Amino acid sequence: MLQINNLHAAVGDTLILKGLTLALGAGEIHAIMGPNGAGKSTLGYILSGRPGYDVTQGSVTLNGQDLLALAPHERAAAGLFLGFQYPVEIPGVSNVQFLREALNAQRKSRGEAPLSGAEFLKIARAEAGAMGMDMNMLKRPVNVGFSGGEKKRNEMVQMGIIAPALAVLDETDSGLDIDALRVVGDGINRIMRKPDKAVLLITHYQRLLDYVRPDYVHVLADGRITRTGGPELALELEREGYRELAA
């Protein structure tokens, strides 16, 4: 599904990714762990097309399509979803309207008819209910006044409504207490653990992987993948740290 080959990327004059190669198959969940400054968030930004992050070498394809040749909105339409470490607030824009416009824009790109307000609200209520969110929260401006946990739940609602093919989740566990971590983990499994979808989890800690068990764990250090293993690798990292295992 996702194929990254020899990816080099820079921010300004600083090279961050230095030959990263990674492949995600359909139905797989991969976790990327590594020390601060290794390039984990940069990878997510590169995949989503964030301005200021420049690819200097290498290729990325999603379901055979050249991802790097697409604008950010085209990447979303192709099935990519990026979950932020710190979801942004958008004053003056209601969650409901934001999500309906986003979903209908993707439907249009696929040649599908837009959903009516009633059709969309049925989907939104189901997704909000599954994440334990009151529907009134979706009528508020996007993330405005939300706690850290509420912002992450809101992102899971967004992901459930959009139903992407590939979810890149950048430290989704950041700022979550134990109960919220379990709810968010259950949401990832419910929405994305399917044979036609894939997940790339970017995280510092093993705790999210207690709820979302990955097929593979990768160590990212100094801009490249230095080690790959199964879920047991995350436990080893938790015990030993990155100093020895990232080399």
Protein backbone atom coordinates (compact mmCIF):
# COMPACT_ATOMS: atom_id res chain seq x y z
CA MET A 1 0.00 0.00 0.00
CA LEU A 2 2.64 2.54 1.08
CA GLN A 3 6.13 2.25 -0.35
CA ILE A 4 8.91 4.63 0.72
CA ASN A 5 12.24 4.21 -1.04
CA ASN A 6 15.52 5.92 -0.06
CA LEU A 7 13.75 9.04 1.16
CA HIS A 8 15.89 12.08 1.90
CA ALA A 9 14.24 15.27 3.16
CA ALA A 10 15.37 18.60 4.53
CA VAL A 11 14.04 21.57 6.41
CA GLY A 12 15.92 24.58 5.11
CA ASP A 13 19.57 23.59 5.00
CA THR A 14 19.19 20.80 7.55
CA LEU A 15 18.89 17.25 6.24
CA ILE A 16 16.46 15.31 8.48
CA LEU A 17 15.65 12.09 6.63
CA LYS A 18 18.73 10.35 5.25
CA GLY A 19 17.71 7.37 3.18
CA LEU A 20 14.55 6.07 4.85
CA THR A 21 13.02 2.98 3.27
CA LEU A 22 9.75 1.48 4.53
CA ALA A 23 6.88 -0.58 3.13
CA LEU A 24 3.38 -0.96 4.61
CA GLY A 25 1.07 -3.61 3.21
CA ALA A 26 -2.71 -3.48 3.28
CA GLY A 27 -4.09 -4.72 6.59
CA GLU A 28 -0.89 -3.90 8.48
CA ILE A 29 -0.16 -1.66 11.45
CA HIS A 30 3.42 -0.39 11.80
CA ALA A 31 4.85 1.57 14.70
CA ILE A 32 7.82 3.92 14.42
CA MET A 33 9.72 4.71 17.60
CA GLY A 34 12.89 6.67 18.15
CA PRO A 35 14.63 9.45 20.07
CA ASN A 36 13.78 13.12 19.81
CA GLY A 37 15.05 14.70 16.60
CA ALA A 38 15.25 11.40 14.73
CA GLY A 39 12.80 12.53 12.03
CA LYS A 40 9.57 10.82 13.10
CA SER A 41 7.29 13.86 12.83
CA THR A 42 9.17 15.02 9.73
CA LEU A 43 8.18 11.76 8.06
CA GLY A 44 4.51 12.42 8.82
CA TYR A 45 4.77 15.98 7.48
CA ILE A 46 6.51 14.80 4.30
CA LEU A 47 3.80 12.21 3.66
CA SER A 48 1.04 14.78 4.13
CA GLY A 49 2.73 17.46 2.01
CA ARG A 50 3.35 20.12 4.65
CA PRO A 51 5.09 23.19 3.17
CA GLY A 52 8.69 23.78 4.22
CA TYR A 53 9.65 20.10 4.20
CA ASP A 54 11.54 19.39 1.00
CA VAL A 55 12.23 15.96 -0.48
CA THR A 56 15.72 15.96 -2.00
CA GLN A 57 15.88 12.31 -3.04
CA GLY A 58 13.76 9.15 -3.09
CA SER A 59 10.16 8.23 -3.83
CA VAL A 60 6.86 7.57 -2.05
CA THR A 61 3.87 5.77 -3.56
CA LEU A 62 0.42 5.09 -2.11
CA ASN A 63 -1.43 2.27 -3.83
CA GLY A 64 0.91 2.73 -6.78
CA GLN A 65 0.31 6.49 -7.07
CA ASP A 66 3.20 8.96 -6.78
CA LEU A 67 2.34 10.63 -3.49
CA LEU A 68 5.01 13.31 -3.74
CA ALA A 69 3.53 14.62 -7.00
CA LEU A 70 0.20 15.41 -5.31
CA ALA A 71 -0.91 18.55 -3.46
CA PRO A 72 -1.95 18.01 0.19
CA HIS A 73 -5.69 17.94 -0.62
CA GLU A 74 -5.03 15.44 -3.40
CA ARG A 75 -3.15 13.21 -0.97
CA ALA A 76 -6.15 13.30 1.35
CA ALA A 77 -8.42 12.39 -1.55
CA ALA A 78 -6.07 9.51 -2.38
CA GLY A 79 -6.74 8.10 1.10
CA LEU A 80 -4.12 9.63 3.41
CA PHE A 81 -5.07 10.88 6.88
CA LEU A 82 -2.64 12.63 9.24
CA GLY A 83 -3.37 12.71 12.96
CA PHE A 84 -1.53 15.56 14.69
CA GLN A 85 0.46 15.42 17.89
CA TYR A 86 -1.10 18.78 18.77
CA PRO A 87 -4.43 19.15 16.92
CA VAL A 88 -5.01 22.77 15.95
CA GLU A 89 -7.95 24.92 16.96
CA ILE A 90 -9.99 26.59 14.20
CA PRO A 91 -12.16 29.35 15.73
CA GLY A 92 -15.34 30.18 13.85
CA VAL A 93 -15.54 26.88 11.97
CA SER A 94 -17.92 24.28 13.37
CA ASN A 95 -16.79 20.68 13.56
CA VAL A 96 -19.89 19.49 11.73
CA GLN A 97 -19.48 21.86 8.81
CA PHE A 98 -15.74 21.24 8.59
CA LEU A 99 -16.18 17.47 8.47
CA ARG A 100 -19.09 17.54 6.05
CA GLU A 101 -17.13 19.73 3.63
CA ALA A 102 -14.06 17.50 3.96
CA LEU A 103 -16.02 14.30 3.36
CA ASN A 104 -17.97 15.70 0.42
CA ALA A 105 -14.77 17.03 -1.17
CA GLN A 106 -13.34 13.53 -1.08
CA ARG A 107 -16.57 12.03 -2.41
CA LYS A 108 -16.49 14.51 -5.29
CA SER A 109 -12.92 13.51 -6.13
CA ARG A 110 -14.12 9.89 -6.39
CA GLY A 111 -17.08 10.82 -8.58
CA GLU A 112 -19.61 10.21 -5.79
CA ALA A 113 -22.61 12.35 -4.97
CA PRO A 114 -22.35 14.65 -1.92
CA LEU A 115 -24.10 13.64 1.27
CA SER A 116 -27.08 15.68 2.41
CA GLY A 117 -27.06 17.26 5.84
CA ALA A 118 -29.27 14.50 7.23
CA GLU A 119 -27.14 11.74 5.71
CA PHE A 120 -23.97 13.25 7.10
CA LEU A 121 -25.41 13.79 10.59
CA LYS A 122 -26.34 10.11 10.78
CA ILE A 123 -22.69 9.16 10.17
CA ALA A 124 -21.40 11.86 12.52
CA ARG A 125 -23.69 10.76 15.37
CA ALA A 126 -22.56 7.16 14.99
CA GLU A 127 -18.86 8.07 15.04
CA ALA A 128 -19.23 10.51 17.93
CA GLY A 129 -21.16 7.93 19.93
CA ALA A 130 -18.51 5.29 19.29
CA MET A 131 -15.88 7.64 20.76
CA GLY A 132 -18.03 8.67 23.73
CA MET A 133 -18.43 12.26 22.50
CA ASP A 134 -21.59 14.29 22.91
CA MET A 135 -22.93 15.45 19.56
CA ASN A 136 -23.02 18.99 20.92
CA MET A 137 -19.22 18.98 20.87
CA LEU A 138 -19.27 18.50 17.11
CA LYS A 139 -21.34 21.66 16.79
CA ARG A 140 -18.61 23.70 18.48
CA PRO A 141 -15.68 25.29 16.62
CA VAL A 142 -13.01 22.74 15.71
CA ASN A 143 -11.08 21.82 18.89
CA VAL A 144 -11.76 25.21 20.52
CA GLY A 145 -11.95 24.80 24.30
CA PHE A 146 -11.30 21.06 24.06
CA SER A 147 -9.01 19.30 26.51
CA GLY A 148 -6.06 17.34 25.13
CA GLY A 149 -8.01 14.10 25.40
CA GLU A 150 -11.08 15.59 23.75
CA LYS A 151 -8.97 16.82 20.83
CA LYS A 152 -7.61 13.31 20.28
CA ARG A 153 -11.09 11.78 20.50
CA ASN A 154 -12.27 14.40 18.03
CA GLU A 155 -9.51 13.33 15.65
CA MET A 156 -10.71 9.75 15.91
CA VAL A 157 -14.22 10.94 15.03
CA GLN A 158 -12.75 12.75 12.03
CA MET A 159 -10.87 9.62 11.00
CA GLY A 160 -14.00 7.50 11.34
CA ILE A 161 -16.02 9.86 9.17
CA ILE A 162 -13.31 10.25 6.50
CA ALA A 163 -12.51 6.49 6.53
CA PRO A 164 -9.00 6.81 5.02
CA ALA A 165 -7.00 4.03 3.43
CA LEU A 166 -3.83 5.02 5.31
CA ALA A 167 -3.67 6.74 8.70
CA VAL A 168 -0.40 8.35 9.80
CA LEU A 169 -0.85 9.07 13.50
CA ASP A 170 1.80 11.33 15.00
CA GLU A 171 2.04 10.72 18.76
CA THR A 172 -1.69 10.23 19.14
CA ASP A 173 -1.01 9.05 22.71
CA SER A 174 0.50 12.42 23.69
CA GLY A 175 -1.43 14.04 26.54
CA LEU A 176 -3.83 11.15 27.09
CA ASP A 177 -4.67 9.70 30.48
CA ILE A 178 -5.19 5.96 30.91
CA ASP A 179 -8.92 5.99 30.16
CA ALA A 180 -8.58 8.24 27.10
CA LEU A 181 -5.69 6.12 25.83
CA ARG A 182 -7.88 3.05 25.92
CA VAL A 183 -10.74 4.80 24.12
CA VAL A 184 -8.44 6.18 21.41
CA GLY A 185 -6.74 2.80 21.00
CA ASP A 186 -10.10 1.09 20.62
CA GLY A 187 -11.06 3.72 18.05
CA ILE A 188 -7.96 3.08 15.95
CA ASN A 189 -8.64 -0.65 15.99
CA ARG A 190 -12.32 -0.23 15.12
CA ILE A 191 -11.75 2.17 12.23
CA MET A 192 -8.46 1.03 10.74
CA ARG A 193 -7.83 -2.64 11.56
CA LYS A 194 -9.24 -3.83 8.25
CA PRO A 195 -7.78 -5.76 5.30
CA ASP A 196 -7.92 -2.76 2.95
CA LYS A 197 -6.38 -0.20 5.35
CA ALA A 198 -3.02 0.46 6.99
CA VAL A 199 -1.72 2.49 9.93
CA LEU A 200 1.63 4.13 10.64
CA LEU A 201 1.86 4.91 14.37
CA ILE A 202 4.55 7.41 15.37
CA THR A 203 5.18 7.24 19.09
CA HIS A 204 7.81 7.62 21.81
CA TYR A 205 6.29 5.09 24.16
CA GLN A 206 5.14 1.50 24.20
CA ARG A 207 1.93 2.22 26.12
CA LEU A 208 -0.26 2.89 23.07
CA LEU A 209 0.91 -0.43 21.63
CA ASP A 210 -0.76 -2.20 24.56
CA TYR A 211 -4.06 -1.25 22.91
CA VAL A 212 -3.07 -1.12 19.23
CA ARG A 213 -0.85 -4.14 18.67
CA PRO A 214 1.43 -3.51 15.67
CA ASP A 215 2.56 -6.06 13.14
CA TYR A 216 5.98 -4.40 12.98
CA VAL A 217 7.96 -1.96 15.10
CA HIS A 218 10.70 0.15 13.51
CA VAL A 219 13.44 2.18 15.18
CA LEU A 220 14.05 5.51 13.44
CA ALA A 221 17.35 7.16 14.34
CA ASP A 222 19.39 9.81 12.55
CA GLY A 223 16.96 9.93 9.67
CA ARG A 224 16.78 6.26 8.75
CA ILE A 225 15.30 2.96 9.91
CA THR A 226 18.00 1.22 11.93
CA ARG A 227 16.10 -1.79 13.23
CA THR A 228 12.81 -3.62 12.62
CA GLY A 229 11.06 -6.23 14.72
CA GLY A 230 7.76 -7.37 16.12
CA PRO A 231 5.82 -5.97 19.11
CA GLU A 232 8.50 -7.33 21.43
CA LEU A 233 10.92 -4.71 20.09
CA ALA A 234 8.81 -1.95 21.66
CA LEU A 235 9.11 -3.67 25.05
CA GLU A 236 12.87 -3.93 24.57
CA LEU A 237 13.06 -0.22 23.78
CA GLU A 238 11.03 0.54 26.90
CA ARG A 239 13.52 -1.42 29.00
CA GLU A 240 16.78 -0.48 27.34
CA GLY A 241 16.15 2.92 25.78
CA TYR A 242 17.33 4.01 22.36
CA ARG A 243 21.06 4.41 22.90
CA GLU A 244 22.05 0.83 22.08
CA LEU A 245 19.12 -0.19 19.89
CA ALA A 246 19.16 2.84 17.61
CA ALA A 247 22.74 2.28 16.48
